[in-house]
All heavy atoms as atom14 arrays in JSON, in Angstrom:
{
  "sequence": "RTLGQGDSQRAQRLGGLVIAVGAGLALTLCISVWLLQTLILDLLGA",
  "atom14_mask": [
    [1, 1, 1, 1, 1, 1, 1, 1, 1, 1, 1, 0, 0, 0],
    [1, 1, 1, 1, 1, 1, 1, 0, 0, 0, 0, 0, 0, 0],
    [1, 1, 1, 1, 1, 1, 1, 1, 0, 0, 0, 0, 0, 0],
    [1, 1, 1, 1, 0, 0, 0, 0, 0, 0, 0, 0, 0, 0],
    [1, 1, 1, 1, 1, 1, 1, 1, 1, 0, 0, 0, 0, 0],
    [1, 1, 1, 1, 0, 0, 0, 0, 0, 0, 0, 0, 0, 0],
    [1, 1, 1, 1, 1, 1, 1, 1, 0, 0, 0, 0, 0, 0],
    [1, 1, 1, 1, 1, 1, 0, 0, 0, 0, 0, 0, 0, 0],
    [1, 1, 1, 1, 1, 1, 1, 1, 1, 0, 0, 0, 0, 0],
    [1, 1, 1, 1, 1, 1, 1, 1, 1, 1, 1, 0, 0, 0],
    [1, 1, 1, 1, 1, 0, 0, 0, 0, 0, 0, 0, 0, 0],
    [1, 1, 1, 1, 1, 1, 1, 1, 1, 0, 0, 0, 0, 0],
    [1, 1, 1, 1, 1, 1, 1, 1, 1, 1, 1, 0, 0, 0],
    [1, 1, 1, 1, 1, 1, 1, 1, 0, 0, 0, 0, 0, 0],
    [1, 1, 1, 1, 0, 0, 0, 0, 0, 0, 0, 0, 0, 0],
    [1, 1, 1, 1, 0, 0, 0, 0, 0, 0, 0, 0, 0, 0],
    [1, 1, 1, 1, 1, 1, 1, 1, 0, 0, 0, 0, 0, 0],
    [1, 1, 1, 1, 1, 1, 1, 0, 0, 0, 0, 0, 0, 0],
    [1, 1, 1, 1, 1, 1, 1, 1, 0, 0, 0, 0, 0, 0],
    [1, 1, 1, 1, 1, 0, 0, 0, 0, 0, 0, 0, 0, 0],
    [1, 1, 1, 1, 1, 1, 1, 0, 0, 0, 0, 0, 0, 0],
    [1, 1, 1, 1, 0, 0, 0, 0, 0, 0, 0, 0, 0, 0],
    [1, 1, 1, 1, 1, 0, 0, 0, 0, 0, 0, 0, 0, 0],
    [1, 1, 1, 1, 0, 0, 0, 0, 0, 0, 0, 0, 0, 0],
    [1, 1, 1, 1, 1, 1, 1, 1, 0, 0, 0, 0, 0, 0],
    [1, 1, 1, 1, 1, 0, 0, 0, 0, 0, 0, 0, 0, 0],
    [1, 1, 1, 1, 1, 1, 1, 1, 0, 0, 0, 0, 0, 0],
    [1, 1, 1, 1, 1, 1, 1, 0, 0, 0, 0, 0, 0, 0],
    [1, 1, 1, 1, 1, 1, 1, 1, 0, 0, 0, 0, 0, 0],
    [1, 1, 1, 1, 1, 1, 0, 0, 0, 0, 0, 0, 0, 0],
    [1, 1, 1, 1, 1, 1, 1, 1, 0, 0, 0, 0, 0, 0],
    [1, 1, 1, 1, 1, 1, 0, 0, 0, 0, 0, 0, 0, 0],
    [1, 1, 1, 1, 1, 1, 1, 0, 0, 0, 0, 0, 0, 0],
    [1, 1, 1, 1, 1, 1, 1, 1, 1, 1, 1, 1, 1, 1],
    [1, 1, 1, 1, 1, 1, 1, 1, 0, 0, 0, 0, 0, 0],
    [1, 1, 1, 1, 1, 1, 1, 1, 0, 0, 0, 0, 0, 0],
    [1, 1, 1, 1, 1, 1, 1, 1, 1, 0, 0, 0, 0, 0],
    [1, 1, 1, 1, 1, 1, 1, 0, 0, 0, 0, 0, 0, 0],
    [1, 1, 1, 1, 1, 1, 1, 1, 0, 0, 0, 0, 0, 0],
    [1, 1, 1, 1, 1, 1, 1, 1, 0, 0, 0, 0, 0, 0],
    [1, 1, 1, 1, 1, 1, 1, 1, 0, 0, 0, 0, 0, 0],
    [1, 1, 1, 1, 1, 1, 1, 1, 0, 0, 0, 0, 0, 0],
    [1, 1, 1, 1, 1, 1, 1, 1, 0, 0, 0, 0, 0, 0],
    [1, 1, 1, 1, 1, 1, 1, 1, 0, 0, 0, 0, 0, 0],
    [1, 1, 1, 1, 0, 0, 0, 0, 0, 0, 0, 0, 0, 0],
    [1, 1, 1, 1, 1, 0, 0, 0, 0, 0, 0, 0, 0, 0]
  ],
  "atom14_positions": [
    [[0.84, -1.21, -0.02], [0.0, -0.01, 0.0], [0.87, 1.25, 0.0], [0.56, 2.24, -0.7], [-0.94, -0.01, 1.2], [-2.12, 0.9, 1.09], [-3.01, 0.87, 2.36], [-3.33, -0.52, 2.64], [-3.87, -0.92, 3.81], [-4.11, -0.02, 4.72], [-4.16, -2.15, 4.01], [0.0, 0.0, 0.0], [0.0, 0.0, 0.0], [0.0, 0.0, 0.0]],
    [[1.97, 1.25, 0.77], [2.88, 2.36, 0.82], [3.55, 2.62, -0.52], [3.68, 3.73, -1.0], [3.99, 2.15, 1.9], [3.31, 1.94, 3.14], [4.91, 3.33, 1.99], [0.0, 0.0, 0.0], [0.0, 0.0, 0.0], [0.0, 0.0, 0.0], [0.0, 0.0, 0.0], [0.0, 0.0, 0.0], [0.0, 0.0, 0.0], [0.0, 0.0, 0.0]],
    [[3.92, 1.53, -1.22], [4.51, 1.65, -2.56], [3.46, 2.15, -3.57], [3.79, 2.93, -4.43], [5.03, 0.28, -2.99], [6.31, -0.23, -2.33], [6.61, -1.64, -2.7], [7.49, 0.63, -2.67], [0.0, 0.0, 0.0], [0.0, 0.0, 0.0], [0.0, 0.0, 0.0], [0.0, 0.0, 0.0], [0.0, 0.0, 0.0], [0.0, 0.0, 0.0]],
    [[2.2, 1.73, -3.37], [1.11, 2.21, -4.22], [0.91, 3.73, -4.11], [0.45, 4.4, -5.02], [0.0, 0.0, 0.0], [0.0, 0.0, 0.0], [0.0, 0.0, 0.0], [0.0, 0.0, 0.0], [0.0, 0.0, 0.0], [0.0, 0.0, 0.0], [0.0, 0.0, 0.0], [0.0, 0.0, 0.0], [0.0, 0.0, 0.0], [0.0, 0.0, 0.0]],
    [[1.27, 4.28, -2.92], [1.17, 5.7, -2.66], [2.45, 6.45, -3.1], [2.53, 7.65, -2.93], [0.89, 5.95, -1.18], [-0.47, 5.39, -0.73], [-0.62, 5.36, 0.77], [0.37, 5.47, 1.5], [-1.86, 5.09, 1.21], [0.0, 0.0, 0.0], [0.0, 0.0, 0.0], [0.0, 0.0, 0.0], [0.0, 0.0, 0.0], [0.0, 0.0, 0.0]],
    [[3.48, 5.71, -3.52], [4.7, 6.25, -4.06], [5.81, 6.61, -3.07], [6.73, 7.37, -3.39], [0.0, 0.0, 0.0], [0.0, 0.0, 0.0], [0.0, 0.0, 0.0], [0.0, 0.0, 0.0], [0.0, 0.0, 0.0], [0.0, 0.0, 0.0], [0.0, 0.0, 0.0], [0.0, 0.0, 0.0], [0.0, 0.0, 0.0], [0.0, 0.0, 0.0]],
    [[5.72, 6.06, -1.85], [6.73, 6.35, -0.8], [7.67, 5.16, -0.64], [7.48, 4.34, 0.31], [6.01, 6.7, 0.53], [6.95, 7.35, 1.55], [8.15, 7.29, 1.34], [6.45, 7.86, 2.55], [0.0, 0.0, 0.0], [0.0, 0.0, 0.0], [0.0, 0.0, 0.0], [0.0, 0.0, 0.0], [0.0, 0.0, 0.0], [0.0, 0.0, 0.0]],
    [[8.7, 5.03, -1.45], [9.56, 3.87, -1.47], [10.49, 3.81, -0.19], [10.78, 2.75, 0.31], [10.4, 3.85, -2.7], [11.2, 4.95, -2.84], [0.0, 0.0, 0.0], [0.0, 0.0, 0.0], [0.0, 0.0, 0.0], [0.0, 0.0, 0.0], [0.0, 0.0, 0.0], [0.0, 0.0, 0.0], [0.0, 0.0, 0.0], [0.0, 0.0, 0.0]],
    [[10.98, 4.99, 0.25], [11.86, 4.97, 1.43], [11.09, 4.49, 2.67], [11.66, 3.75, 3.48], [12.43, 6.36, 1.64], [13.59, 6.72, 0.74], [14.41, 7.9, 1.24], [13.99, 8.57, 2.21], [15.57, 8.12, 0.65], [0.0, 0.0, 0.0], [0.0, 0.0, 0.0], [0.0, 0.0, 0.0], [0.0, 0.0, 0.0], [0.0, 0.0, 0.0]],
    [[9.95, 4.92, 2.86], [9.13, 4.4, 4.04], [8.92, 2.94, 3.91], [9.0, 2.21, 4.93], [7.82, 5.2, 4.09], [6.95, 4.69, 5.25], [5.67, 5.57, 5.4], [4.78, 4.99, 6.41], [4.98, 5.21, 7.74], [6.01, 5.89, 8.16], [4.13, 4.65, 8.61], [0.0, 0.0, 0.0], [0.0, 0.0, 0.0], [0.0, 0.0, 0.0]],
    [[8.67, 2.48, 2.68], [8.49, 0.99, 2.5], [9.75, 0.23, 2.88], [9.68, -0.84, 3.5], [8.12, 0.71, 1.06], [0.0, 0.0, 0.0], [0.0, 0.0, 0.0], [0.0, 0.0, 0.0], [0.0, 0.0, 0.0], [0.0, 0.0, 0.0], [0.0, 0.0, 0.0], [0.0, 0.0, 0.0], [0.0, 0.0, 0.0], [0.0, 0.0, 0.0]],
    [[10.93, 0.77, 2.53], [12.16, 0.1, 2.93], [12.32, 0.03, 4.4], [12.77, -0.96, 4.98], [13.34, 0.85, 2.28], [13.36, 0.83, 0.77], [14.38, 1.88, 0.19], [15.24, 2.31, 0.92], [14.12, 2.19, -1.08], [0.0, 0.0, 0.0], [0.0, 0.0, 0.0], [0.0, 0.0, 0.0], [0.0, 0.0, 0.0], [0.0, 0.0, 0.0]],
    [[12.04, 1.16, 5.1], [12.19, 1.17, 6.59], [11.17, 0.26, 7.27], [11.48, -0.33, 8.28], [12.04, 2.61, 7.07], [13.25, 3.5, 6.61], [13.15, 4.84, 7.18], [14.32, 5.72, 6.79], [14.23, 6.81, 6.02], [13.05, 7.25, 5.62], [15.33, 7.44, 5.74], [0.0, 0.0, 0.0], [0.0, 0.0, 0.0], [0.0, 0.0, 0.0]],
    [[9.92, 0.19, 6.65], [8.96, -0.72, 7.22], [9.46, -2.17, 7.13], [9.2, -2.97, 8.02], [7.64, -0.55, 6.47], [6.8, 0.68, 6.79], [5.68, 0.85, 5.81], [6.28, 0.61, 8.21], [0.0, 0.0, 0.0], [0.0, 0.0, 0.0], [0.0, 0.0, 0.0], [0.0, 0.0, 0.0], [0.0, 0.0, 0.0], [0.0, 0.0, 0.0]],
    [[10.22, -2.48, 6.01], [10.8, -3.8, 5.9], [11.74, -4.08, 7.04], [11.78, -5.2, 7.64], [0.0, 0.0, 0.0], [0.0, 0.0, 0.0], [0.0, 0.0, 0.0], [0.0, 0.0, 0.0], [0.0, 0.0, 0.0], [0.0, 0.0, 0.0], [0.0, 0.0, 0.0], [0.0, 0.0, 0.0], [0.0, 0.0, 0.0], [0.0, 0.0, 0.0]],
    [[12.62, -3.12, 7.38], [13.55, -3.28, 8.51], [12.84, -3.41, 9.83], [13.24, -4.2, 10.7], [0.0, 0.0, 0.0], [0.0, 0.0, 0.0], [0.0, 0.0, 0.0], [0.0, 0.0, 0.0], [0.0, 0.0, 0.0], [0.0, 0.0, 0.0], [0.0, 0.0, 0.0], [0.0, 0.0, 0.0], [0.0, 0.0, 0.0], [0.0, 0.0, 0.0]],
    [[11.76, -2.72, 10.02], [10.97, -2.82, 11.26], [10.38, -4.23, 11.4], [10.36, -4.79, 12.48], [9.85, -1.78, 11.28], [8.96, -1.74, 12.5], [9.75, -1.43, 13.77], [7.76, -0.81, 12.32], [0.0, 0.0, 0.0], [0.0, 0.0, 0.0], [0.0, 0.0, 0.0], [0.0, 0.0, 0.0], [0.0, 0.0, 0.0], [0.0, 0.0, 0.0]],
    [[9.89, -4.76, 10.28], [9.28, -6.09, 10.32], [10.33, -7.16, 10.73], [10.01, -8.03, 11.53], [8.72, -6.42, 8.91], [8.42, -7.92, 8.77], [7.43, -5.66, 8.7], [0.0, 0.0, 0.0], [0.0, 0.0, 0.0], [0.0, 0.0, 0.0], [0.0, 0.0, 0.0], [0.0, 0.0, 0.0], [0.0, 0.0, 0.0], [0.0, 0.0, 0.0]],
    [[11.51, -7.04, 10.2], [12.6, -8.02, 10.51], [12.93, -7.92, 12.0], [13.02, -8.97, 12.68], [13.83, -7.74, 9.68], [13.53, -7.94, 8.18], [14.95, -8.7, 10.11], [13.02, -9.3, 7.81], [0.0, 0.0, 0.0], [0.0, 0.0, 0.0], [0.0, 0.0, 0.0], [0.0, 0.0, 0.0], [0.0, 0.0, 0.0], [0.0, 0.0, 0.0]],
    [[13.04, -6.75, 12.52], [13.39, -6.56, 14.01], [12.29, -7.11, 14.87], [12.59, -7.86, 15.83], [13.69, -5.08, 14.26], [0.0, 0.0, 0.0], [0.0, 0.0, 0.0], [0.0, 0.0, 0.0], [0.0, 0.0, 0.0], [0.0, 0.0, 0.0], [0.0, 0.0, 0.0], [0.0, 0.0, 0.0], [0.0, 0.0, 0.0], [0.0, 0.0, 0.0]],
    [[11.07, -6.73, 14.59], [9.91, -7.16, 15.39], [9.72, -8.72, 15.25], [9.52, -9.4, 16.26], [8.65, -6.43, 15.0], [7.43, -7.03, 15.67], [8.74, -4.95, 15.37], [0.0, 0.0, 0.0], [0.0, 0.0, 0.0], [0.0, 0.0, 0.0], [0.0, 0.0, 0.0], [0.0, 0.0, 0.0], [0.0, 0.0, 0.0], [0.0, 0.0, 0.0]],
    [[9.79, -9.17, 14.03], [9.55, -10.58, 13.79], [10.56, -11.47, 14.45], [10.23, -12.55, 15.03], [0.0, 0.0, 0.0], [0.0, 0.0, 0.0], [0.0, 0.0, 0.0], [0.0, 0.0, 0.0], [0.0, 0.0, 0.0], [0.0, 0.0, 0.0], [0.0, 0.0, 0.0], [0.0, 0.0, 0.0], [0.0, 0.0, 0.0], [0.0, 0.0, 0.0]],
    [[11.82, -11.11, 14.47], [12.88, -11.91, 15.09], [12.63, -12.1, 16.55], [12.72, -13.21, 17.11], [14.27, -11.29, 14.82], [0.0, 0.0, 0.0], [0.0, 0.0, 0.0], [0.0, 0.0, 0.0], [0.0, 0.0, 0.0], [0.0, 0.0, 0.0], [0.0, 0.0, 0.0], [0.0, 0.0, 0.0], [0.0, 0.0, 0.0], [0.0, 0.0, 0.0]],
    [[12.25, -10.97, 17.24], [11.97, -11.02, 18.65], [10.71, -11.84, 19.0], [10.71, -12.67, 19.92], [0.0, 0.0, 0.0], [0.0, 0.0, 0.0], [0.0, 0.0, 0.0], [0.0, 0.0, 0.0], [0.0, 0.0, 0.0], [0.0, 0.0, 0.0], [0.0, 0.0, 0.0], [0.0, 0.0, 0.0], [0.0, 0.0, 0.0], [0.0, 0.0, 0.0]],
    [[9.66, -11.67, 18.19], [8.38, -12.41, 18.47], [8.55, -13.92, 18.25], [8.1, -14.71, 19.08], [7.3, -11.85, 17.55], [6.71, -10.5, 17.93], [5.63, -10.07, 16.85], [6.0, -10.57, 19.29], [0.0, 0.0, 0.0], [0.0, 0.0, 0.0], [0.0, 0.0, 0.0], [0.0, 0.0, 0.0], [0.0, 0.0, 0.0], [0.0, 0.0, 0.0]],
    [[9.26, -14.24, 17.17], [9.44, -15.71, 16.88], [10.25, -16.35, 17.94], [9.95, -17.47, 18.3], [10.08, -15.84, 15.51], [0.0, 0.0, 0.0], [0.0, 0.0, 0.0], [0.0, 0.0, 0.0], [0.0, 0.0, 0.0], [0.0, 0.0, 0.0], [0.0, 0.0, 0.0], [0.0, 0.0, 0.0], [0.0, 0.0, 0.0], [0.0, 0.0, 0.0]],
    [[11.32, -15.68, 18.42], [12.17, -16.25, 19.41], [11.43, -16.45, 20.72], [11.47, -17.47, 21.4], [13.38, -15.36, 19.66], [14.44, -15.85, 20.71], [14.99, -17.19, 20.28], [15.51, -14.82, 20.87], [0.0, 0.0, 0.0], [0.0, 0.0, 0.0], [0.0, 0.0, 0.0], [0.0, 0.0, 0.0], [0.0, 0.0, 0.0], [0.0, 0.0, 0.0]],
    [[10.63, -15.41, 21.08], [9.82, -15.53, 22.32], [8.82, -16.71, 22.26], [8.68, -17.43, 23.24], [9.04, -14.22, 22.55], [9.98, -13.11, 22.65], [8.24, -14.28, 23.81], [0.0, 0.0, 0.0], [0.0, 0.0, 0.0], [0.0, 0.0, 0.0], [0.0, 0.0, 0.0], [0.0, 0.0, 0.0], [0.0, 0.0, 0.0], [0.0, 0.0, 0.0]],
    [[8.19, -16.85, 21.17], [7.19, -17.91, 21.02], [7.9, -19.33, 21.06], [7.32, -20.2, 21.74], [6.39, -17.78, 19.69], [5.3, -18.78, 19.43], [4.29, -18.8, 20.59], [4.61, -18.49, 18.14], [0.0, 0.0, 0.0], [0.0, 0.0, 0.0], [0.0, 0.0, 0.0], [0.0, 0.0, 0.0], [0.0, 0.0, 0.0], [0.0, 0.0, 0.0]],
    [[8.95, -19.47, 20.39], [9.68, -20.8, 20.42], [10.11, -21.12, 21.79], [10.04, -22.3, 22.21], [10.83, -20.73, 19.42], [10.32, -20.69, 17.66], [0.0, 0.0, 0.0], [0.0, 0.0, 0.0], [0.0, 0.0, 0.0], [0.0, 0.0, 0.0], [0.0, 0.0, 0.0], [0.0, 0.0, 0.0], [0.0, 0.0, 0.0], [0.0, 0.0, 0.0]],
    [[10.68, -20.19, 22.51], [11.19, -20.43, 23.88], [9.98, -20.81, 24.77], [10.05, -21.7, 25.61], [11.94, -19.24, 24.42], [13.27, -19.03, 23.69], [12.18, -19.39, 25.91], [14.01, -17.8, 24.01], [0.0, 0.0, 0.0], [0.0, 0.0, 0.0], [0.0, 0.0, 0.0], [0.0, 0.0, 0.0], [0.0, 0.0, 0.0], [0.0, 0.0, 0.0]],
    [[8.84, -20.11, 24.58], [7.68, -20.37, 25.43], [7.13, -21.8, 25.14], [6.77, -22.49, 26.11], [6.58, -19.35, 25.06], [7.0, -18.03, 25.37], [0.0, 0.0, 0.0], [0.0, 0.0, 0.0], [0.0, 0.0, 0.0], [0.0, 0.0, 0.0], [0.0, 0.0, 0.0], [0.0, 0.0, 0.0], [0.0, 0.0, 0.0], [0.0, 0.0, 0.0]],
    [[7.12, -22.24, 23.91], [6.68, -23.58, 23.57], [7.58, -24.62, 24.29], [7.08, -25.63, 24.84], [6.64, -23.81, 22.07], [6.41, -25.28, 21.78], [5.51, -23.01, 21.44], [0.0, 0.0, 0.0], [0.0, 0.0, 0.0], [0.0, 0.0, 0.0], [0.0, 0.0, 0.0], [0.0, 0.0, 0.0], [0.0, 0.0, 0.0], [0.0, 0.0, 0.0]],
    [[8.88, -24.38, 24.26], [9.78, -25.3, 24.87], [9.62, -25.36, 26.41], [9.6, -26.45, 27.0], [11.24, -24.91, 24.61], [12.28, -25.76, 25.28], [13.01, -25.47, 26.37], [12.6, -27.14, 24.97], [13.8, -26.51, 26.75], [13.6, -27.54, 25.91], [12.17, -28.0, 23.98], [14.12, -28.8, 25.89], [12.73, -29.29, 23.94], [13.68, -29.67, 24.87]],
    [[9.43, -24.21, 27.01], [9.27, -24.15, 28.49], [7.93, -24.8, 28.94], [7.8, -25.33, 30.07], [9.39, -22.71, 28.98], [10.74, -22.09, 28.85], [10.74, -20.63, 29.3], [11.83, -22.88, 29.62], [0.0, 0.0, 0.0], [0.0, 0.0, 0.0], [0.0, 0.0, 0.0], [0.0, 0.0, 0.0], [0.0, 0.0, 0.0], [0.0, 0.0, 0.0]],
    [[6.92, -24.72, 28.07], [5.57, -25.14, 28.42], [5.23, -26.55, 27.81], [4.05, -26.91, 27.76], [4.52, -24.15, 27.98], [4.58, -22.77, 28.65], [3.58, -21.81, 27.95], [4.33, -22.86, 30.12], [0.0, 0.0, 0.0], [0.0, 0.0, 0.0], [0.0, 0.0, 0.0], [0.0, 0.0, 0.0], [0.0, 0.0, 0.0], [0.0, 0.0, 0.0]],
    [[6.26, -27.25, 27.38], [5.99, -28.49, 26.62], [5.18, -29.52, 27.39], [4.38, -30.21, 26.87], [7.28, -29.06, 26.09], [8.27, -29.48, 27.15], [9.58, -30.0, 26.5], [9.61, -31.1, 25.98], [10.63, -29.19, 26.56], [0.0, 0.0, 0.0], [0.0, 0.0, 0.0], [0.0, 0.0, 0.0], [0.0, 0.0, 0.0], [0.0, 0.0, 0.0]],
    [[5.49, -29.65, 28.7], [4.73, -30.63, 29.51], [3.23, -30.32, 29.54], [2.38, -31.18, 29.32], [5.25, -30.71, 30.93], [6.68, -31.06, 30.91], [4.51, -31.71, 31.74], [0.0, 0.0, 0.0], [0.0, 0.0, 0.0], [0.0, 0.0, 0.0], [0.0, 0.0, 0.0], [0.0, 0.0, 0.0], [0.0, 0.0, 0.0], [0.0, 0.0, 0.0]],
    [[2.91, -29.04, 29.74], [1.55, -28.63, 29.79], [0.88, -28.83, 28.38], [-0.27, -29.25, 28.33], [1.45, -27.13, 30.19], [0.05, -26.52, 30.21], [-0.82, -27.19, 31.21], [0.18, -25.02, 30.52], [0.0, 0.0, 0.0], [0.0, 0.0, 0.0], [0.0, 0.0, 0.0], [0.0, 0.0, 0.0], [0.0, 0.0, 0.0], [0.0, 0.0, 0.0]],
    [[1.57, -28.54, 27.33], [1.11, -28.68, 25.98], [0.81, -30.1, 25.68], [-0.27, -30.46, 25.12], [2.1, -28.1, 24.95], [2.19, -26.55, 25.1], [1.72, -28.45, 23.52], [3.32, -25.94, 24.36], [0.0, 0.0, 0.0], [0.0, 0.0, 0.0], [0.0, 0.0, 0.0], [0.0, 0.0, 0.0], [0.0, 0.0, 0.0], [0.0, 0.0, 0.0]],
    [[1.74, -30.99, 26.03], [1.52, -32.44, 25.75], [0.43, -33.04, 26.55], [-0.33, -33.91, 26.1], [2.83, -33.19, 25.98], [3.99, -32.85, 25.06], [5.29, -33.57, 25.43], [3.64, -33.19, 23.57], [0.0, 0.0, 0.0], [0.0, 0.0, 0.0], [0.0, 0.0, 0.0], [0.0, 0.0, 0.0], [0.0, 0.0, 0.0], [0.0, 0.0, 0.0]],
    [[0.23, -32.44, 27.76], [-0.96, -32.91, 28.55], [-2.24, -32.55, 27.91], [-3.21, -33.26, 27.81], [-0.9, -32.27, 29.98], [0.18, -32.93, 30.86], [0.63, -34.01, 30.52], [0.57, -32.25, 31.91], [0.0, 0.0, 0.0], [0.0, 0.0, 0.0], [0.0, 0.0, 0.0], [0.0, 0.0, 0.0], [0.0, 0.0, 0.0], [0.0, 0.0, 0.0]],
    [[-2.27, -31.25, 27.36], [-3.44, -30.75, 26.69], [-3.78, -31.56, 25.42], [-4.93, -31.84, 25.11], [-3.26, -29.26, 26.32], [-4.36, -28.6, 25.53], [-5.66, -28.57, 26.35], [-3.93, -27.17, 25.13], [0.0, 0.0, 0.0], [0.0, 0.0, 0.0], [0.0, 0.0, 0.0], [0.0, 0.0, 0.0], [0.0, 0.0, 0.0], [0.0, 0.0, 0.0]],
    [[-2.69, -31.95, 24.69], [-2.91, -32.72, 23.46], [-3.23, -34.19, 23.73], [-3.61, -34.96, 22.8], [-1.63, -32.64, 22.63], [-1.31, -31.31, 22.03], [0.04, -31.32, 21.32], [-2.38, -30.89, 20.99], [0.0, 0.0, 0.0], [0.0, 0.0, 0.0], [0.0, 0.0, 0.0], [0.0, 0.0, 0.0], [0.0, 0.0, 0.0], [0.0, 0.0, 0.0]],
    [[-3.07, -34.62, 24.97], [-3.33, -36.03, 25.3], [-2.27, -36.98, 24.83], [-2.53, -38.17, 24.54], [0.0, 0.0, 0.0], [0.0, 0.0, 0.0], [0.0, 0.0, 0.0], [0.0, 0.0, 0.0], [0.0, 0.0, 0.0], [0.0, 0.0, 0.0], [0.0, 0.0, 0.0], [0.0, 0.0, 0.0], [0.0, 0.0, 0.0], [0.0, 0.0, 0.0]],
    [[-1.01, -36.57, 24.8], [0.08, -37.41, 24.31], [0.38, -38.49, 25.37], [0.4, -38.25, 26.54], [1.35, -36.55, 24.14], [0.0, 0.0, 0.0], [0.0, 0.0, 0.0], [0.0, 0.0, 0.0], [0.0, 0.0, 0.0], [0.0, 0.0, 0.0], [0.0, 0.0, 0.0], [0.0, 0.0, 0.0], [0.0, 0.0, 0.0], [0.0, 0.0, 0.0]]
  ]
}
């Protein structure tokens, strides 16, 4: 949408923001799954 409006520099910086935010969120979620694995497996009925 930003490119459709003609603002290429803002689009580039938005790309950088996505990488920074995404790396942190993905790491947090993966660590949480590992720490909660016993509870998760109980819920799944393993």
